[in-house]
Amino acid sequence: MDENKLSSISKADTDDKIGEFWDNHDFTDFDTAAPDVKFEVTCAVPIEVELFSEIEKQAHKRGVKVETLVNLWLQQKLAEQEQQVA
């Protein structure tokens, strides 16, 4: 760390002192000026190429994105499964 600079929150002047500070403090105590951030979590599930191709065709016929159609179908299947279990 630059000799003439201090950490903005901890006021520490070395990386070790900054580490010690955050070992004993929680960021949420200092986040009043931090903007809220929205983010989306995505995941990838490998599927067979032929199956994906058929899903793409079905999505195109319906005028929706592949992701939209897959999510709709999965929601419908989960609802069916819930009804069977109940």
Protein backbone atom coordinates (compact mmCIF):
# COMPACT_ATOMS: atom_id res chain seq x y z
CA MET A 1 0.00 0.00 0.00
CA ASP A 2 1.23 3.50 -0.78
CA GLU A 3 2.95 4.93 2.29
CA ASN A 4 0.89 8.15 2.13
CA LYS A 5 -2.52 6.52 1.77
CA LEU A 6 -4.85 5.25 4.42
CA SER A 7 -7.68 2.83 3.91
CA SER A 8 -10.89 4.84 3.62
CA ILE A 9 -12.79 2.91 6.29
CA SER A 10 -10.24 1.30 8.57
CA LYS A 11 -7.79 4.20 8.34
CA ALA A 12 -5.08 1.53 8.31
CA ASP A 13 -1.86 2.17 6.45
CA THR A 14 -0.80 -1.41 5.68
CA ASP A 15 -2.47 -4.45 4.17
CA ASP A 16 -1.89 -6.38 7.40
CA LYS A 17 -3.64 -3.72 9.48
CA ILE A 18 -6.53 -3.61 7.00
CA GLY A 19 -6.84 -7.38 7.33
CA GLU A 20 -6.84 -7.15 11.12
CA PHE A 21 -9.52 -4.45 10.97
CA TRP A 22 -11.85 -6.57 8.79
CA ASP A 23 -11.22 -9.63 10.94
CA ASN A 24 -12.93 -7.71 13.73
CA HIS A 25 -15.55 -5.67 11.84
CA ASP A 26 -18.50 -6.34 9.56
CA PHE A 27 -18.94 -4.47 6.29
CA THR A 28 -22.65 -4.04 6.95
CA ASP A 29 -21.73 -1.65 9.75
CA PHE A 30 -20.13 0.65 7.16
CA ASP A 31 -22.26 0.20 4.04
CA THR A 32 -24.49 3.27 4.42
CA ALA A 33 -23.07 4.85 1.26
CA ALA A 34 -22.89 1.64 -0.72
CA PRO A 35 -25.53 1.48 -3.45
CA ASP A 36 -27.97 -1.40 -3.58
CA VAL A 37 -27.05 -3.83 -6.30
CA LYS A 38 -29.44 -6.05 -8.21
CA PHE A 39 -28.12 -9.19 -9.76
CA GLU A 40 -29.43 -12.36 -11.28
CA VAL A 41 -28.08 -15.79 -10.50
CA THR A 42 -27.91 -18.13 -13.45
CA CYS A 43 -26.78 -21.68 -13.81
CA ALA A 44 -26.00 -23.99 -16.68
CA VAL A 45 -27.41 -27.46 -17.07
CA PRO A 46 -25.93 -29.58 -19.83
CA ILE A 47 -28.50 -31.16 -22.13
CA GLU A 48 -28.22 -33.27 -25.25
CA VAL A 49 -27.66 -31.30 -28.45
CA GLU A 50 -30.63 -32.93 -30.21
CA LEU A 51 -32.94 -32.13 -27.30
CA PHE A 52 -31.77 -28.53 -27.23
CA SER A 53 -32.40 -28.24 -30.95
CA GLU A 54 -36.00 -29.42 -30.50
CA ILE A 55 -36.52 -27.00 -27.63
CA GLU A 56 -35.21 -24.17 -29.83
CA LYS A 57 -37.74 -25.10 -32.51
CA GLN A 58 -40.59 -25.13 -30.00
CA ALA A 59 -39.51 -21.78 -28.55
CA HIS A 60 -39.34 -20.25 -32.03
CA LYS A 61 -42.87 -21.54 -32.84
CA ARG A 62 -44.16 -19.89 -29.68
CA GLY A 63 -42.19 -16.69 -30.18
CA VAL A 64 -40.36 -16.91 -26.87
CA LYS A 65 -36.76 -17.34 -25.78
CA VAL A 66 -35.48 -20.83 -25.09
CA GLU A 67 -34.91 -19.86 -21.45
CA THR A 68 -38.51 -18.72 -21.11
CA LEU A 69 -39.91 -21.94 -22.54
CA VAL A 70 -37.64 -24.17 -20.45
CA ASN A 71 -38.57 -22.29 -17.27
CA LEU A 72 -42.27 -22.55 -18.11
CA TRP A 73 -42.06 -26.27 -18.80
CA LEU A 74 -40.07 -26.91 -15.64
CA GLN A 75 -42.56 -24.92 -13.56
CA GLN A 76 -45.42 -26.92 -15.07
CA LYS A 77 -43.66 -30.22 -14.40
CA LEU A 78 -42.93 -29.26 -10.80
CA ALA A 79 -46.58 -28.29 -10.29
CA GLU A 80 -47.66 -31.68 -11.68
CA GLN A 81 -45.27 -33.45 -9.33
CA GLU A 82 -46.57 -31.48 -6.35
CA GLN A 83 -50.14 -32.51 -7.22
CA GLN A 84 -49.13 -36.17 -7.44
CA VAL A 85 -47.42 -36.08 -4.05
CA ALA A 86 -50.25 -34.23 -2.31
